[in-house]
Amino acid sequence: MLVALAIFSLMLAVLLGGYSQGLNIWQRAADQSGQWQAYQYRYLWLSRMTQQLVAADYRLTRTNFADYFSGDATGFVAMSSAPILSPLGRPVPVELRLVDNLQGSVQLMYREGTKNEDPERGINFDRQPWVPLLTDINNAQFRYYTRPIRESDVLDGQALPPYQWLPTASWVPRQIELSFVSDDPRGNPQTHSWLLESQNRTDSTYLFLMRLGE
C-alpha cells in the first residue's frame, strides 16, 4: 500500500504540474488575445475617423479655400464626420495627442468638439474631457504622407511638390502613420506601425488643385 500511495502521489504531482503549466499557457494566450483585440478596436476607431476627415469650404481669404488640418509628431487636429464618441454624420472637430503620463511612458489621448463648432465659428476644446485610447506606450510619434505646402505656393501658383513622409502637415494628408512600442503580457517590447488612410481629395483640395492647374 505504501508503494502504491507513493506511485499515486508521484503521478498526481506530475498531472497537477502539467495542469498548472497548461493553465499558465492558456492565460498568457488569453492575455495576448485580449491585448490584440483591444488594439484592433482602437485601430478600427482611428481608421474610420481618418477615412472621414473632411474639409468644407473654410475660407482663408475671399478667394482661397483650404483643408482644416494641423498635425505634428505629437498629434493632430482636424474635422471628421466619423468621430469616435459622437454619432456619425455632421463633421465635428477632433484632436489626438500623445501625452507623457509622468510614469515613464506615453498615452494617446482623444477629445472632440461639438457639432456646432468648426473653423469658421470657432473651436473650443478646453471644456471637452480627454479620453485615453492607448496607455503605457513608448517611442510614439505621428508622420504624414502629404505635400510640403507653403503659403507662397498658394499665392504664387507654383507647381505642387511630390508627396512625402513629413513630421508635420497643414492640410489633410493621404496617409497618417502612428508608430509606437508596447509591452506584451510577458513584458517583451513590440513595435507597431498603424497606417491610417484618409480621403485622397476633399472638396476644398479639388478646388485648390483646379486653381493650380493640376
Protein backbone atom coordinates (compact mmCIF):
# COMPACT_ATOMS: atom_id res chain seq x y z
CA MET A 1 0.00 0.00 0.00
CA LEU A 2 2.85 2.38 0.78
CA VAL A 3 4.42 1.72 -2.62
CA ALA A 4 1.05 2.25 -4.33
CA LEU A 5 0.45 5.50 -2.45
CA ALA A 6 3.93 6.72 -3.37
CA ILE A 7 3.34 5.95 -7.06
CA PHE A 8 -0.12 7.57 -6.94
CA SER A 9 1.29 10.70 -5.24
CA LEU A 10 4.04 10.94 -7.86
CA MET A 11 1.55 10.62 -10.73
CA LEU A 12 -0.74 13.19 -9.10
CA ALA A 13 2.13 15.65 -8.72
CA VAL A 14 3.07 15.21 -12.39
CA LEU A 15 -0.53 15.68 -13.52
CA LEU A 16 -1.04 18.76 -11.36
CA GLY A 17 2.23 20.24 -12.61
CA GLY A 18 1.17 19.70 -16.22
CA TYR A 19 -2.26 21.17 -15.50
CA SER A 20 -0.73 24.26 -13.86
CA GLN A 21 1.67 24.76 -16.78
CA GLY A 22 -1.16 24.38 -19.28
CA LEU A 23 -3.27 26.87 -17.31
CA ASN A 24 -0.43 29.40 -17.38
CA ILE A 25 -0.01 28.95 -21.15
CA TRP A 26 -3.75 29.39 -21.66
CA GLN A 27 -3.76 32.53 -19.51
CA ARG A 28 -0.85 34.07 -21.45
CA ALA A 29 -2.59 33.29 -24.73
CA ALA A 30 -5.80 34.86 -23.43
CA ASP A 31 -3.91 37.97 -22.30
CA GLN A 32 -2.21 38.29 -25.69
CA SER A 33 -5.54 37.80 -27.48
CA GLY A 34 -7.18 40.41 -25.25
CA GLN A 35 -4.41 42.93 -25.93
CA TRP A 36 -4.57 42.23 -29.68
CA GLN A 37 -8.35 42.71 -29.71
CA ALA A 38 -8.05 45.95 -27.73
CA TYR A 39 -5.52 47.29 -30.23
CA GLN A 40 -7.65 46.15 -33.16
CA TYR A 41 -10.68 48.00 -31.80
CA ARG A 42 -8.67 51.18 -31.39
CA TYR A 43 -7.12 50.86 -34.82
CA LEU A 44 -10.59 50.47 -36.36
CA TRP A 45 -11.87 53.53 -34.44
CA LEU A 46 -8.97 55.65 -35.65
CA SER A 47 -9.13 54.28 -39.20
CA ARG A 48 -12.83 55.09 -39.53
CA MET A 49 -12.23 58.57 -38.13
CA THR A 50 -9.38 59.40 -40.52
CA GLN A 51 -11.21 57.96 -43.54
CA GLN A 52 -13.91 60.56 -42.91
CA LEU A 53 -11.66 63.58 -42.44
CA VAL A 54 -13.43 66.37 -44.27
CA ALA A 55 -12.63 69.83 -45.42
CA ALA A 56 -15.61 72.03 -46.07
CA ASP A 57 -15.14 75.36 -47.82
CA TYR A 58 -13.37 77.14 -44.98
CA ARG A 59 -12.17 80.41 -46.42
CA LEU A 60 -8.68 81.69 -45.75
CA THR A 61 -9.28 84.76 -47.89
CA ARG A 62 -12.06 85.82 -50.23
CA THR A 63 -10.69 83.59 -52.99
CA ASN A 64 -8.77 80.80 -51.24
CA PHE A 65 -10.14 77.65 -49.69
CA ALA A 66 -8.10 75.22 -47.61
CA ASP A 67 -8.36 71.95 -45.73
CA TYR A 68 -8.63 72.24 -41.99
CA PHE A 69 -5.82 70.08 -40.62
CA SER A 70 -2.91 70.78 -38.32
CA GLY A 71 -0.58 67.96 -37.35
CA ASP A 72 2.84 67.39 -35.88
CA ALA A 73 4.76 64.49 -34.34
CA THR A 74 2.65 64.58 -31.16
CA GLY A 75 -0.80 64.53 -32.78
CA PHE A 76 -3.24 66.47 -34.92
CA VAL A 77 -6.46 68.48 -35.01
CA ALA A 78 -8.95 68.01 -37.85
CA MET A 79 -12.62 67.80 -38.80
CA SER A 80 -14.18 64.33 -39.07
CA SER A 81 -17.70 63.18 -39.89
CA ALA A 82 -16.98 59.86 -38.11
CA PRO A 83 -15.92 60.88 -34.58
CA ILE A 84 -15.24 58.13 -32.06
CA LEU A 85 -17.58 59.29 -29.27
CA SER A 86 -20.40 61.02 -31.18
CA PRO A 87 -22.83 59.61 -33.75
CA LEU A 88 -21.82 59.59 -37.40
CA GLY A 89 -22.99 62.45 -39.55
CA ARG A 90 -22.18 66.11 -39.22
CA PRO A 91 -18.45 66.89 -39.02
CA VAL A 92 -17.04 67.80 -35.63
CA PRO A 93 -13.52 68.87 -34.62
CA VAL A 94 -11.36 66.05 -33.26
CA GLU A 95 -7.94 66.04 -31.62
CA LEU A 96 -5.43 63.25 -30.99
CA ARG A 97 -2.43 63.95 -28.78
CA LEU A 98 0.47 61.93 -27.34
CA VAL A 99 0.88 62.92 -23.70
CA ASP A 100 3.53 61.94 -21.16
CA ASN A 101 1.84 60.15 -18.25
CA LEU A 102 4.69 61.09 -15.85
CA GLN A 103 5.41 57.39 -15.21
CA GLY A 104 7.98 56.79 -17.92
CA SER A 105 5.54 56.06 -20.73
CA VAL A 106 3.10 57.84 -23.05
CA GLN A 107 -0.66 57.87 -23.55
CA LEU A 108 -2.64 58.53 -26.72
CA MET A 109 -5.43 60.89 -25.71
CA TYR A 110 -8.54 61.84 -27.70
CA ARG A 111 -11.16 64.55 -27.45
CA GLU A 112 -13.71 66.11 -29.75
CA GLY A 113 -15.74 69.26 -30.05
CA THR A 114 -19.44 69.63 -30.75
CA LYS A 115 -21.40 69.73 -33.97
CA ASN A 116 -21.82 73.49 -33.65
CA GLU A 117 -18.08 74.13 -33.74
CA ASP A 118 -15.95 74.48 -36.86
CA PRO A 119 -13.01 76.64 -38.00
CA GLU A 120 -15.33 79.47 -39.05
CA ARG A 121 -17.44 79.59 -35.89
CA GLY A 122 -14.54 78.74 -33.60
CA ILE A 123 -13.35 75.60 -31.84
CA ASN A 124 -13.03 75.35 -28.07
CA PHE A 125 -11.55 72.08 -26.84
CA ASP A 126 -10.86 73.41 -23.35
CA ARG A 127 -14.20 72.31 -21.93
CA GLN A 128 -14.03 68.84 -23.51
CA PRO A 129 -12.59 65.92 -21.49
CA TRP A 130 -9.68 63.82 -22.68
CA VAL A 131 -10.28 60.10 -23.26
CA PRO A 132 -7.29 57.70 -23.25
CA LEU A 133 -7.16 55.40 -26.28
CA LEU A 134 -3.72 53.85 -25.69
CA THR A 135 -1.81 53.73 -22.42
CA ASP A 136 1.69 52.65 -21.39
CA ILE A 137 3.29 53.02 -24.82
CA ASN A 138 6.72 54.35 -25.75
CA ASN A 139 8.61 55.84 -28.71
CA ALA A 140 5.30 57.05 -30.14
CA GLN A 141 5.05 59.57 -32.96
CA PHE A 142 2.88 60.63 -35.89
CA ARG A 143 4.01 61.09 -39.51
CA TYR A 144 2.06 62.33 -42.51
CA TYR A 145 2.17 61.41 -46.19
CA THR A 146 1.48 64.83 -47.66
CA ARG A 147 2.89 67.70 -49.67
CA PRO A 148 5.10 70.34 -48.02
CA ILE A 149 2.72 73.18 -48.87
CA ARG A 150 3.77 76.71 -48.04
CA GLU A 151 1.76 79.91 -48.22
CA SER A 152 3.93 81.09 -51.11
CA ASP A 153 2.90 78.01 -53.12
CA VAL A 154 -0.73 79.07 -52.89
CA LEU A 155 -0.15 82.73 -53.60
CA ASP A 156 2.35 82.33 -56.43
CA GLY A 157 0.62 79.38 -58.09
CA GLN A 158 3.79 77.28 -58.15
CA ALA A 159 3.81 73.61 -59.08
CA LEU A 160 2.96 71.32 -56.19
CA PRO A 161 5.86 69.31 -54.71
CA PRO A 162 5.57 65.49 -54.60
CA TYR A 163 4.04 63.63 -51.68
CA GLN A 164 6.49 62.90 -48.86
CA TRP A 165 6.52 61.45 -45.35
CA LEU A 166 6.78 64.53 -43.15
CA PRO A 167 6.67 65.20 -39.38
CA THR A 168 4.11 67.99 -39.87
CA ALA A 169 1.08 68.60 -42.06
CA SER A 170 -1.03 71.69 -42.68
CA TRP A 171 -3.78 70.09 -44.78
CA VAL A 172 -5.45 66.67 -44.94
CA PRO A 173 -2.72 64.11 -45.76
CA ARG A 174 -3.20 60.98 -47.83
CA GLN A 175 -1.99 58.76 -45.00
CA ILE A 176 -1.25 59.15 -41.31
CA GLU A 177 1.22 56.85 -39.59
CA LEU A 178 1.15 56.22 -35.85
CA SER A 179 4.14 54.21 -34.64
CA PHE A 180 4.70 53.12 -31.05
CA VAL A 181 6.22 50.39 -28.87
CA SER A 182 4.23 48.46 -26.26
CA ASP A 183 4.96 45.52 -23.98
CA ASP A 184 3.18 42.20 -24.49
CA PRO A 185 1.84 40.25 -21.45
CA ARG A 186 5.31 38.69 -21.00
CA GLY A 187 6.94 42.12 -20.89
CA ASN A 188 8.58 41.84 -24.30
CA PRO A 189 8.56 45.06 -26.37
CA GLN A 190 6.55 45.02 -29.61
CA THR A 191 6.76 47.64 -32.34
CA HIS A 192 3.53 48.78 -34.00
CA SER A 193 3.08 50.88 -37.12
CA TRP A 194 -0.51 51.84 -37.94
CA LEU A 195 -1.22 53.33 -41.36
CA LEU A 196 -4.44 55.31 -41.31
CA GLU A 197 -5.93 56.18 -44.68
CA SER A 198 -7.74 59.43 -45.42
CA GLN A 199 -9.58 60.81 -48.40
CA ASN A 200 -7.22 61.44 -51.28
CA ARG A 201 -9.08 64.57 -52.32
CA THR A 202 -11.59 66.58 -50.40
CA ASP A 203 -13.80 69.23 -51.94
CA SER A 204 -11.54 72.10 -50.93
CA THR A 205 -8.44 70.21 -52.12
CA TYR A 206 -10.08 69.74 -55.51
CA LEU A 207 -10.80 73.46 -55.80
CA PHE A 208 -7.26 74.25 -54.75
CA LEU A 209 -5.74 71.93 -57.34
CA MET A 210 -8.04 73.26 -60.06
CA ARG A 211 -6.66 76.75 -59.45
CA LEU A 212 -3.11 75.44 -59.76
CA GLY A 213 -3.91 73.64 -63.00
CA GLU A 214 -3.27 70.05 -61.82
